[in-house]
Amino acid sequence: AVRNLDPAIHDAHIMSAEEFEKAALDVKSLTQRPSDQELLDLYGLYKQGKEGDCNTPYPGFFALKEKYKWDSWNKHKGMSKEEAQRKYIDFVKGLKAKYPSS
């Protein structure tokens, strides 16, 4: 594999990964619990940003919560980890504006 040795691109990737991890921590300090749909959206983007395409089998018939989570992750199939991380960061920024700290 050919490695990109451009330091600006390398630094931007590190910065994005750091922002992603900070956003994941920021979610835990929201003043209100996000809606179930917002939580599912967060979950799907987070998993895509960390692991890439969904790599687990579809949950069993009675595992409703797991099915919702699986669907939320799988709908981002084909999205790069970097794009998912950017979208996650932007989504968290929106939640922080919606649920401002006191």
PDB file of N, CA and C in Angstrom:
ATOM      1  N   ALA A   1       0.842  -1.189   0.000  1.00  0.00           N
ATOM      2  CA  ALA A   1       0.000   0.000   0.000  1.00  0.00           C
ATOM      3  C   ALA A   1       0.878   1.241   0.000  1.00  0.00           C
ATOM      4  N   VAL A   2       0.447   2.237  -0.722  1.00  0.00           N
ATOM      5  CA  VAL A   2       1.176   3.499  -0.788  1.00  0.00           C
ATOM      6  C   VAL A   2       0.675   4.383   0.340  1.00  0.00           C
ATOM      7  N   ARG A   3       1.602   4.907   1.117  1.00  0.00           N
ATOM      8  CA  ARG A   3       1.231   5.786   2.227  1.00  0.00           C
ATOM      9  C   ARG A   3       1.335   7.229   1.788  1.00  0.00           C
ATOM     10  N   ASN A   4       0.385   8.011   2.223  1.00  0.00           N
ATOM     11  CA  ASN A   4       0.414   9.440   1.921  1.00  0.00           C
ATOM     12  C   ASN A   4       1.317  10.094   2.958  1.00  0.00           C
ATOM     13  N   LEU A   5       2.395  10.697   2.514  1.00  0.00           N
ATOM     14  CA  LEU A   5       3.364  11.279   3.431  1.00  0.00           C
ATOM     15  C   LEU A   5       3.181  12.784   3.617  1.00  0.00           C
ATOM     16  N   ASP A   6       2.099  13.339   3.072  1.00  0.00           N
ATOM     17  CA  ASP A   6       1.830  14.768   3.230  1.00  0.00           C
ATOM     18  C   ASP A   6       1.476  15.046   4.689  1.00  0.00           C
ATOM     19  N   PRO A   7       2.326  15.801   5.413  1.00  0.00           N
ATOM     20  CA  PRO A   7       2.067  16.042   6.833  1.00  0.00           C
ATOM     21  C   PRO A   7       0.751  16.768   7.102  1.00  0.00           C
ATOM     22  N   ALA A   8       0.318  17.630   6.194  1.00  0.00           N
ATOM     23  CA  ALA A   8      -0.934  18.363   6.398  1.00  0.00           C
ATOM     24  C   ALA A   8      -2.115  17.402   6.428  1.00  0.00           C
ATOM     25  N   ILE A   9      -2.106  16.419   5.536  1.00  0.00           N
ATOM     26  CA  ILE A   9      -3.184  15.430   5.511  1.00  0.00           C
ATOM     27  C   ILE A   9      -3.113  14.562   6.757  1.00  0.00           C
ATOM     28  N   HIS A  10      -1.927  14.166   7.149  1.00  0.00           N
ATOM     29  CA  HIS A  10      -1.749  13.355   8.357  1.00  0.00           C
ATOM     30  C   HIS A  10      -2.249  14.118   9.584  1.00  0.00           C
ATOM     31  N   ASP A  11      -1.870  15.389   9.707  1.00  0.00           N
ATOM     32  CA  ASP A  11      -2.296  16.204  10.852  1.00  0.00           C
ATOM     33  C   ASP A  11      -3.803  16.406  10.859  1.00  0.00           C
ATOM     34  N   ALA A  12      -4.400  16.588   9.680  1.00  0.00           N
ATOM     35  CA  ALA A  12      -5.851  16.772   9.593  1.00  0.00           C
ATOM     36  C   ALA A  12      -6.574  15.512  10.046  1.00  0.00           C
ATOM     37  N   HIS A  13      -6.023  14.340   9.691  1.00  0.00           N
ATOM     38  CA  HIS A  13      -6.640  13.077  10.108  1.00  0.00           C
ATOM     39  C   HIS A  13      -6.563  12.921  11.625  1.00  0.00           C
ATOM     40  N   ILE A  14      -5.421  13.250  12.216  1.00  0.00           N
ATOM     41  CA  ILE A  14      -5.264  13.163  13.673  1.00  0.00           C
ATOM     42  C   ILE A  14      -6.220  14.135  14.351  1.00  0.00           C
ATOM     43  N   MET A  15      -6.313  15.356  13.821  1.00  0.00           N
ATOM     44  CA  MET A  15      -7.199  16.358  14.396  1.00  0.00           C
ATOM     45  C   MET A  15      -8.646  15.867  14.343  1.00  0.00           C
ATOM     46  N   SER A  16      -9.038  15.294  13.211  1.00  0.00           N
ATOM     47  CA  SER A  16     -10.396  14.787  13.047  1.00  0.00           C
ATOM     48  C   SER A  16     -10.672  13.665  14.048  1.00  0.00           C
ATOM     49  N   ALA A  17      -9.716  12.756  14.229  1.00  0.00           N
ATOM     50  CA  ALA A  17      -9.882  11.652  15.176  1.00  0.00           C
ATOM     51  C   ALA A  17      -9.996  12.188  16.603  1.00  0.00           C
ATOM     52  N   GLU A  18      -9.205  13.213  16.931  1.00  0.00           N
ATOM     53  CA  GLU A  18      -9.284  13.815  18.265  1.00  0.00           C
ATOM     54  C   GLU A  18     -10.629  14.499  18.470  1.00  0.00           C
ATOM     55  N   GLU A  19     -11.093  15.217  17.451  1.00  0.00           N
ATOM     56  CA  GLU A  19     -12.401  15.876  17.531  1.00  0.00           C
ATOM     57  C   GLU A  19     -13.512  14.844  17.695  1.00  0.00           C
ATOM     58  N   PHE A  20     -13.378  13.724  16.992  1.00  0.00           N
ATOM     59  CA  PHE A  20     -14.358  12.637  17.062  1.00  0.00           C
ATOM     60  C   PHE A  20     -14.447  12.097  18.486  1.00  0.00           C
ATOM     61  N   GLU A  21     -13.302  11.827  19.080  1.00  0.00           N
ATOM     62  CA  GLU A  21     -13.287  11.312  20.457  1.00  0.00           C
ATOM     63  C   GLU A  21     -13.835  12.345  21.443  1.00  0.00           C
ATOM     64  N   LYS A  22     -13.513  13.625  21.220  1.00  0.00           N
ATOM     65  CA  LYS A  22     -14.035  14.680  22.089  1.00  0.00           C
ATOM     66  C   LYS A  22     -15.550  14.773  21.948  1.00  0.00           C
ATOM     67  N   ALA A  23     -16.051  14.670  20.730  1.00  0.00           N
ATOM     68  CA  ALA A  23     -17.501  14.718  20.503  1.00  0.00           C
ATOM     69  C   ALA A  23     -18.192  13.566  21.229  1.00  0.00           C
ATOM     70  N   ALA A  24     -17.565  12.381  21.221  1.00  0.00           N
ATOM     71  CA  ALA A  24     -18.145  11.228  21.917  1.00  0.00           C
ATOM     72  C   ALA A  24     -18.233  11.499  23.418  1.00  0.00           C
ATOM     73  N   LEU A  25     -17.257  12.206  23.967  1.00  0.00           N
ATOM     74  CA  LEU A  25     -17.308  12.580  25.384  1.00  0.00           C
ATOM     75  C   LEU A  25     -18.340  13.681  25.630  1.00  0.00           C
ATOM     76  N   ASP A  26     -18.417  14.632  24.702  1.00  0.00           N
ATOM     77  CA  ASP A  26     -19.359  15.737  24.841  1.00  0.00           C
ATOM     78  C   ASP A  26     -20.803  15.250  24.919  1.00  0.00           C
ATOM     79  N   VAL A  27     -21.116  14.196  24.191  1.00  0.00           N
ATOM     80  CA  VAL A  27     -22.481  13.655  24.194  1.00  0.00           C
ATOM     81  C   VAL A  27     -22.888  13.252  25.612  1.00  0.00           C
ATOM     82  N   LYS A  28     -21.944  12.743  26.366  1.00  0.00           N
ATOM     83  CA  LYS A  28     -22.240  12.265  27.721  1.00  0.00           C
ATOM     84  C   LYS A  28     -22.550  13.399  28.691  1.00  0.00           C
ATOM     85  N   SER A  29     -22.204  14.632  28.308  1.00  0.00           N
ATOM     86  CA  SER A  29     -22.431  15.753  29.221  1.00  0.00           C
ATOM     87  C   SER A  29     -23.575  16.665  28.757  1.00  0.00           C
ATOM     88  N   LEU A  30     -24.415  16.184  27.820  1.00  0.00           N
ATOM     89  CA  LEU A  30     -25.569  16.974  27.407  1.00  0.00           C
ATOM     90  C   LEU A  30     -26.515  17.150  28.598  1.00  0.00           C
ATOM     91  N   THR A  31     -27.209  18.280  28.640  1.00  0.00           N
ATOM     92  CA  THR A  31     -28.093  18.561  29.771  1.00  0.00           C
ATOM     93  C   THR A  31     -29.406  17.781  29.699  1.00  0.00           C
ATOM     94  N   GLN A  32     -29.775  17.325  28.509  1.00  0.00           N
ATOM     95  CA  GLN A  32     -30.969  16.518  28.329  1.00  0.00           C
ATOM     96  C   GLN A  32     -30.612  15.275  27.545  1.00  0.00           C
ATOM     97  N   ARG A  33     -31.390  14.226  27.772  1.00  0.00           N
ATOM     98  CA  ARG A  33     -31.205  12.999  27.005  1.00  0.00           C
ATOM     99  C   ARG A  33     -31.747  13.235  25.605  1.00  0.00           C
ATOM    100  N   PRO A  34     -30.938  12.969  24.578  1.00  0.00           N
ATOM    101  CA  PRO A  34     -31.441  13.083  23.206  1.00  0.00           C
ATOM    102  C   PRO A  34     -32.605  12.110  22.979  1.00  0.00           C
ATOM    103  N   SER A  35     -33.386  12.376  21.947  1.00  0.00           N
ATOM    104  CA  SER A  35     -34.502  11.487  21.603  1.00  0.00           C
ATOM    105  C   SER A  35     -33.953  10.118  21.203  1.00  0.00           C
ATOM    106  N   ASP A  36     -34.833   9.136  21.196  1.00  0.00           N
ATOM    107  CA  ASP A  36     -34.414   7.794  20.780  1.00  0.00           C
ATOM    108  C   ASP A  36     -33.838   7.820  19.371  1.00  0.00           C
ATOM    109  N   GLN A  37     -34.468   8.587  18.461  1.00  0.00           N
ATOM    110  CA  GLN A  37     -33.964   8.654  17.083  1.00  0.00           C
ATOM    111  C   GLN A  37     -32.592   9.326  17.040  1.00  0.00           C
ATOM    112  N   GLU A  38     -32.410  10.373  17.835  1.00  0.00           N
ATOM    113  CA  GLU A  38     -31.092  11.033  17.878  1.00  0.00           C
ATOM    114  C   GLU A  38     -30.036  10.074  18.418  1.00  0.00           C
ATOM    115  N   LEU A  39     -30.399   9.294  19.425  1.00  0.00           N
ATOM    116  CA  LEU A  39     -29.450   8.313  19.967  1.00  0.00           C
ATOM    117  C   LEU A  39     -29.100   7.252  18.928  1.00  0.00           C
ATOM    118  N   LEU A  40     -30.094   6.810  18.165  1.00  0.00           N
ATOM    119  CA  LEU A  40     -29.815   5.835  17.109  1.00  0.00           C
ATOM    120  C   LEU A  40     -28.921   6.433  16.024  1.00  0.00           C
ATOM    121  N   ASP A  41     -29.181   7.688  15.665  1.00  0.00           N
ATOM    122  CA  ASP A  41     -28.334   8.358  14.669  1.00  0.00           C
ATOM    123  C   ASP A  41     -26.900   8.483  15.176  1.00  0.00           C
ATOM    124  N   LEU A  42     -26.749   8.855  16.441  1.00  0.00           N
ATOM    125  CA  LEU A  42     -25.418   8.929  17.053  1.00  0.00           C
ATOM    126  C   LEU A  42     -24.724   7.579  16.998  1.00  0.00           C
ATOM    127  N   TYR A  43     -25.451   6.544  17.388  1.00  0.00           N
ATOM    128  CA  TYR A  43     -24.894   5.197  17.415  1.00  0.00           C
ATOM    129  C   TYR A  43     -24.403   4.779  16.029  1.00  0.00           C
ATOM    130  N   GLY A  44     -25.257   4.963  15.016  1.00  0.00           N
ATOM    131  CA  GLY A  44     -24.895   4.538  13.665  1.00  0.00           C
ATOM    132  C   GLY A  44     -23.669   5.252  13.142  1.00  0.00           C
ATOM    133  N   LEU A  45     -23.620   6.562  13.338  1.00  0.00           N
ATOM    134  CA  LEU A  45     -22.452   7.328  12.874  1.00  0.00           C
ATOM    135  C   LEU A  45     -21.201   6.972  13.668  1.00  0.00           C
ATOM    136  N   TYR A  46     -21.361   6.771  14.974  1.00  0.00           N
ATOM    137  CA  TYR A  46     -20.208   6.423  15.808  1.00  0.00           C
ATOM    138  C   TYR A  46     -19.620   5.081  15.367  1.00  0.00           C
ATOM    139  N   LYS A  47     -20.484   4.077  15.209  1.00  0.00           N
ATOM    140  CA  LYS A  47     -19.996   2.756  14.803  1.00  0.00           C
ATOM    141  C   LYS A  47     -19.342   2.801  13.418  1.00  0.00           C
ATOM    142  N   GLN A  48     -19.953   3.556  12.491  1.00  0.00           N
ATOM    143  CA  GLN A  48     -19.375   3.674  11.148  1.00  0.00           C
ATOM    144  C   GLN A  48     -18.027   4.386  11.229  1.00  0.00           C
ATOM    145  N   GLY A  49     -17.934   5.401  12.085  1.00  0.00           N
ATOM    146  CA  GLY A  49     -16.691   6.145  12.250  1.00  0.00           C
ATOM    147  C   GLY A  49     -15.586   5.344  12.916  1.00  0.00           C
ATOM    148  N   LYS A  50     -15.957   4.425  13.787  1.00  0.00           N
ATOM    149  CA  LYS A  50     -14.961   3.607  14.485  1.00  0.00           C
ATOM    150  C   LYS A  50     -14.603   2.339  13.723  1.00  0.00           C
ATOM    151  N   GLU A  51     -15.613   1.655  13.173  1.00  0.00           N
ATOM    152  CA  GLU A  51     -15.380   0.325  12.630  1.00  0.00           C
ATOM    153  C   GLU A  51     -15.586   0.200  11.130  1.00  0.00           C
ATOM    154  N   GLY A  52     -16.227   1.198  10.514  1.00  0.00           N
ATOM    155  CA  GLY A  52     -16.547   1.072   9.097  1.00  0.00           C
ATOM    156  C   GLY A  52     -17.873   0.345   8.931  1.00  0.00           C
ATOM    157  N   ASP A  53     -18.052  -0.307   7.791  1.00  0.00           N
ATOM    158  CA  ASP A  53     -19.325  -0.959   7.490  1.00  0.00           C
ATOM    159  C   ASP A  53     -19.703  -1.997   8.542  1.00  0.00           C
ATOM    160  N   CYS A  54     -21.004  -2.105   8.749  1.00  0.00           N
ATOM    161  CA  CYS A  54     -21.561  -3.052   9.716  1.00  0.00           C
ATOM    162  C   CYS A  54     -21.038  -4.456   9.411  1.00  0.00           C
ATOM    163  N   ASN A  55     -20.492  -5.101  10.441  1.00  0.00           N
ATOM    164  CA  ASN A  55     -19.852  -6.401  10.234  1.00  0.00           C
ATOM    165  C   ASN A  55     -20.433  -7.476  11.151  1.00  0.00           C
ATOM    166  N   THR A  56     -21.639  -7.256  11.644  1.00  0.00           N
ATOM    167  CA  THR A  56     -22.278  -8.230  12.519  1.00  0.00           C
ATOM    168  C   THR A  56     -23.544  -8.756  11.850  1.00  0.00           C
ATOM    169  N   PRO A  57     -23.925  -9.987  12.149  1.00  0.00           N
ATOM    170  CA  PRO A  57     -25.150 -10.527  11.550  1.00  0.00           C
ATOM    171  C   PRO A  57     -26.387  -9.802  12.082  1.00  0.00           C
ATOM    172  N   TYR A  58     -27.442  -9.824  11.296  1.00  0.00           N
ATOM    173  CA  TYR A  58     -28.698  -9.188  11.708  1.00  0.00           C
ATOM    174  C   TYR A  58     -29.208  -9.892  12.962  1.00  0.00           C
ATOM    175  N   PRO A  59     -29.623  -9.106  13.973  1.00  0.00           N
ATOM    176  CA  PRO A  59     -30.070  -9.704  15.250  1.00  0.00           C
ATOM    177  C   PRO A  59     -31.307 -10.588  15.082  1.00  0.00           C
ATOM    178  N   GLY A  60     -31.512 -11.419  16.082  1.00  0.00           N
ATOM    179  CA  GLY A  60     -32.641 -12.340  16.088  1.00  0.00           C
ATOM    180  C   GLY A  60     -33.990 -11.641  16.199  1.00  0.00           C
ATOM    181  N   PHE A  61     -35.036 -12.396  16.002  1.00  0.00           N
ATOM    182  CA  PHE A  61     -36.404 -11.898  15.920  1.00  0.00           C
ATOM    183  C   PHE A  61     -36.825 -11.074  17.132  1.00  0.00           C
ATOM    184  N   PHE A  62     -36.462 -11.480  18.327  1.00  0.00           N
ATOM    185  CA  PHE A  62     -36.933 -10.808  19.542  1.00  0.00           C
ATOM    186  C   PHE A  62     -35.997  -9.712  20.039  1.00  0.00           C
ATOM    187  N   ALA A  63     -34.903  -9.498  19.371  1.00  0.00           N
ATOM    188  CA  ALA A  63     -33.907  -8.505  19.808  1.00  0.00           C
ATOM    189  C   ALA A  63     -34.217  -7.152  19.158  1.00  0.00           C
ATOM    190  N   LEU A  64     -35.322  -6.519  19.559  1.00  0.00           N
ATOM    191  CA  LEU A  64     -35.760  -5.280  18.913  1.00  0.00           C
ATOM    192  C   LEU A  64     -34.743  -4.147  19.032  1.00  0.00           C
ATOM    193  N   LYS A  65     -34.229  -3.920  20.240  1.00  0.00           N
ATOM    194  CA  LYS A  65     -33.269  -2.830  20.439  1.00  0.00           C
ATOM    195  C   LYS A  65     -32.039  -3.035  19.554  1.00  0.00           C
ATOM    196  N   GLU A  66     -31.550  -4.270  19.530  1.00  0.00           N
ATOM    197  CA  GLU A  66     -30.375  -4.572  18.702  1.00  0.00           C
ATOM    198  C   GLU A  66     -30.663  -4.397  17.214  1.00  0.00           C
ATOM    199  N   LYS A  67     -31.901  -4.706  16.785  1.00  0.00           N
ATOM    200  CA  LYS A  67     -32.274  -4.513  15.378  1.00  0.00           C
ATOM    201  C   LYS A  67     -32.247  -3.038  15.010  1.00  0.00           C
ATOM    202  N   TYR A  68     -32.790  -2.192  15.882  1.00  0.00           N
ATOM    203  CA  TYR A  68     -32.774  -0.746  15.621  1.00  0.00           C
ATOM    204  C   TYR A  68     -31.344  -0.238  15.517  1.00  0.00           C
ATOM    205  N   LYS A  69     -30.489  -0.697  16.417  1.00  0.00           N
ATOM    206  CA  LYS A  69     -29.090  -0.267  16.398  1.00  0.00           C
ATOM    207  C   LYS A  69     -28.389  -0.768  15.132  1.00  0.00           C
ATOM    208  N   TRP A  70     -28.651  -2.039  14.777  1.00  0.00           N
ATOM    209  CA  TRP A  70     -28.038  -2.619  13.577  1.00  0.00           C
ATOM    210  C   TRP A  70     -28.462  -1.828  12.342  1.00  0.00           C
ATOM    211  N   ASP A  71     -29.775  -1.544  12.229  1.00  0.00           N
ATOM    212  CA  ASP A  71     -30.282  -0.780  11.084  1.00  0.00           C
ATOM    213  C   ASP A  71     -29.652   0.605  11.018  1.00  0.00           C
ATOM    214  N   SER A  72     -29.505   1.235  12.175  1.00  0.00           N
ATOM    215  CA  SER A  72     -28.938   2.580  12.230  1.00  0.00           C
ATOM    216  C   SER A  72     -27.485   2.584  11.761  1.00  0.00           C
ATOM    217  N   TRP A  73     -26.734   1.564  12.114  1.00  0.00           N
ATOM    218  CA  TRP A  73     -25.341   1.451  11.674  1.00  0.00           C
ATOM    219  C   TRP A  73     -25.285   1.081  10.198  1.00  0.00           C
ATOM    220  N   ASN A  74     -26.074   0.101   9.800  1.00  0.00           N
ATOM    221  CA  ASN A  74     -25.999  -0.421   8.434  1.00  0.00           C
ATOM    222  C   ASN A  74     -26.437   0.603   7.384  1.00  0.00           C
ATOM    223  N   LYS A  75     -27.267   1.584   7.761  1.00  0.00           N
ATOM    224  CA  LYS A  75     -27.705   2.567   6.762  1.00  0.00           C
ATOM    225  C   LYS A  75     -26.554   3.462   6.292  1.00  0.00           C
ATOM    226  N   HIS A  76     -25.415   3.418   6.984  1.00  0.00           N
ATOM    227  CA  HIS A  76     -24.243   4.200   6.587  1.00  0.00           C
ATOM    228  C   HIS A  76     -23.240   3.375   5.784  1.00  0.00           C
ATOM    229  N   LYS A  77     -23.649   2.171   5.394  1.00  0.00           N
ATOM    230  CA  LYS A  77     -22.768   1.268   4.643  1.00  0.00           C
ATOM    231  C   LYS A  77     -22.175   1.989   3.435  1.00  0.00           C
ATOM    232  N   GLY A  78     -20.875   1.862   3.258  1.00  0.00           N
ATOM    233  CA  GLY A  78     -20.183   2.478   2.131  1.00  0.00           C
ATOM    234  C   GLY A  78     -19.603   3.849   2.447  1.00  0.00           C
ATOM    235  N   MET A  79     -20.021   4.445   3.554  1.00  0.00           N
ATOM    236  CA  MET A  79     -19.482   5.752   3.967  1.00  0.00           C
ATOM    237  C   MET A  79     -18.106   5.522   4.596  1.00  0.00           C
ATOM    238  N   SER A  80     -17.146   6.357   4.253  1.00  0.00           N
ATOM    239  CA  SER A  80     -15.811   6.201   4.835  1.00  0.00           C
ATOM    240  C   SER A  80     -15.849   6.517   6.330  1.00  0.00           C
ATOM    241  N   LYS A  81     -14.894   5.967   7.054  1.00  0.00           N
ATOM    242  CA  LYS A  81     -14.794   6.261   8.483  1.00  0.00           C
ATOM    243  C   LYS A  81     -14.638   7.755   8.716  1.00  0.00           C
ATOM    244  N   GLU A  82     -13.819   8.394   7.870  1.00  0.00           N
ATOM    245  CA  GLU A  82     -13.553   9.828   8.036  1.00  0.00           C
ATOM    246  C   GLU A  82     -14.822  10.654   7.841  1.00  0.00           C
ATOM    247  N   GLU A  83     -15.614  10.310   6.821  1.00  0.00           N
ATOM    248  CA  GLU A  83     -16.858  11.044   6.586  1.00  0.00           C
ATOM    249  C   GLU A  83     -17.837  10.826   7.739  1.00  0.00           C
ATOM    250  N   ALA A  84     -17.935   9.589   8.221  1.00  0.00           N
ATOM    251  CA  ALA A  84     -18.818   9.295   9.353  1.00  0.00           C
ATOM    252  C   ALA A  84     -18.380  10.078  10.594  1.00  0.00           C
ATOM    253  N   GLN A  85     -17.074  10.183  10.802  1.00  0.00           N
ATOM    254  CA  GLN A  85     -16.575  10.939  11.948  1.00  0.00           C
ATOM    255  C   GLN A  85     -16.935  12.414  11.826  1.00  0.00           C
ATOM    256  N   ARG A  86     -16.789  12.977  10.623  1.00  0.00           N
ATOM    257  CA  ARG A  86     -17.154  14.387  10.412  1.00  0.00           C
ATOM    258  C   ARG A  86     -18.646  14.601  10.657  1.00  0.00           C
ATOM    259  N   LYS A  87     -19.474  13.696  10.138  1.00  0.00           N
ATOM    260  CA  LYS A  87     -20.918  13.817  10.323  1.00  0.00           C
ATOM    261  C   LYS A  87     -21.291  13.662  11.797  1.00  0.00           C
ATOM    262  N   TYR A  88     -20.608  12.769  12.493  1.00  0.00           N
ATOM    263  CA  TYR A  88     -20.849  12.582  13.926  1.00  0.00           C
ATOM    264  C   TYR A  88     -20.511  13.859  14.691  1.00  0.00           C
ATOM    265  N   ILE A  89     -19.363  14.443  14.391  1.00  0.00           N
ATOM    266  CA  ILE A  89     -18.932  15.685  15.047  1.00  0.00           C
ATOM    267  C   ILE A  89     -19.967  16.786  14.809  1.00  0.00           C
ATOM    268  N   ASP A  90     -20.412  16.929  13.564  1.00  0.00           N
ATOM    269  CA  ASP A  90     -21.417  17.948  13.239  1.00  0.00           C
ATOM    270  C   ASP A  90     -22.738  17.675  13.952  1.00  0.00           C
ATOM    271  N   PHE A  91     -23.126  16.406  14.027  1.00  0.00           N
ATOM    272  CA  PHE A  91     -24.381  16.041  14.692  1.00  0.00           C
ATOM    273  C   PHE A  91     -24.310  16.383  16.179  1.00  0.00           C
ATOM    274  N   VAL A  92     -23.167  16.089  16.801  1.00  0.00           N
ATOM    275  CA  VAL A  92     -22.989  16.403  18.219  1.00  0.00           C
ATOM    276  C   VAL A  92     -23.030  17.916  18.437  1.00  0.00           C
ATOM    277  N   LYS A  93     -22.416  18.675  17.528  1.00  0.00           N
ATOM    278  CA  LYS A  93     -22.476  20.142  17.642  1.00  0.00           C
ATOM    279  C   LYS A  93     -23.932  20.609  17.630  1.00  0.00           C
ATOM    280  N   GLY A  94     -24.741  20.020  16.770  1.00  0.00           N
ATOM    281  CA  GLY A  94     -26.161  20.358  16.706  1.00  0.00           C
ATOM    282  C   GLY A  94     -26.891  20.010  17.989  1.00  0.00           C
ATOM    283  N   LEU A  95     -26.559  18.855  18.565  1.00  0.00           N
ATOM    284  CA  LEU A  95     -27.190  18.458  19.831  1.00  0.00           C
ATOM    285  C   LEU A  95     -26.780  19.388  20.968  1.00  0.00           C
ATOM    286  N   LYS A  96     -25.510  19.812  20.952  1.00  0.00           N
ATOM    287  CA  LYS A  96     -25.047  20.736  21.997  1.00  0.00           C
ATOM    288  C   LYS A  96     -25.774  22.078  21.902  1.00  0.00           C
ATOM    289  N   ALA A  97     -26.104  22.506  20.676  1.00  0.00           N
ATOM    290  CA  ALA A  97     -26.868  23.734  20.506  1.00  0.00           C
ATOM    291  C   ALA A  97     -28.323  23.538  20.944  1.00  0.00           C
ATOM    292  N   LYS A  98     -28.855  22.354  20.667  1.00  0.00           N
ATOM    293  CA  LYS A  98     -30.249  22.042  21.020  1.00  0.00           C
ATOM    294  C   LYS A  98     -30.421  21.872  22.528  1.00  0.00           C
ATOM    295  N   TYR A  99     -29.425  21.269  23.161  1.00  0.00           N
ATOM    296  CA  TYR A  99     -29.460  21.004  24.605  1.00  0.00           C
ATOM    297  C   TYR A  99     -28.291  21.723  25.274  1.00  0.00           C
ATOM    298  N   PRO A 100     -28.326  23.062  25.332  1.00  0.00           N
ATOM    299  CA  PRO A 100     -27.185  23.816  25.871  1.00  0.00           C
ATOM    300  C   PRO A 100     -26.934  23.496  27.344  1.00  0.00           C
ATOM    301  N   SER A 101     -25.681  23.595  27.735  1.00  0.00           N
ATOM    302  CA  SER A 101     -25.345  23.354  29.137  1.00  0.00           C
ATOM    303  C   SER A 101     -25.827  24.530  29.979  1.00  0.00           C
ATOM    304  N   SER A 102     -26.122  24.237  31.222  1.00  0.00           N
ATOM    305  CA  SER A 102     -26.677  25.290  32.103  1.00  0.00           C
ATOM    306  C   SER A 102     -25.599  26.159  32.700  1.00  0.00           C
TER     307      SER A 102
END
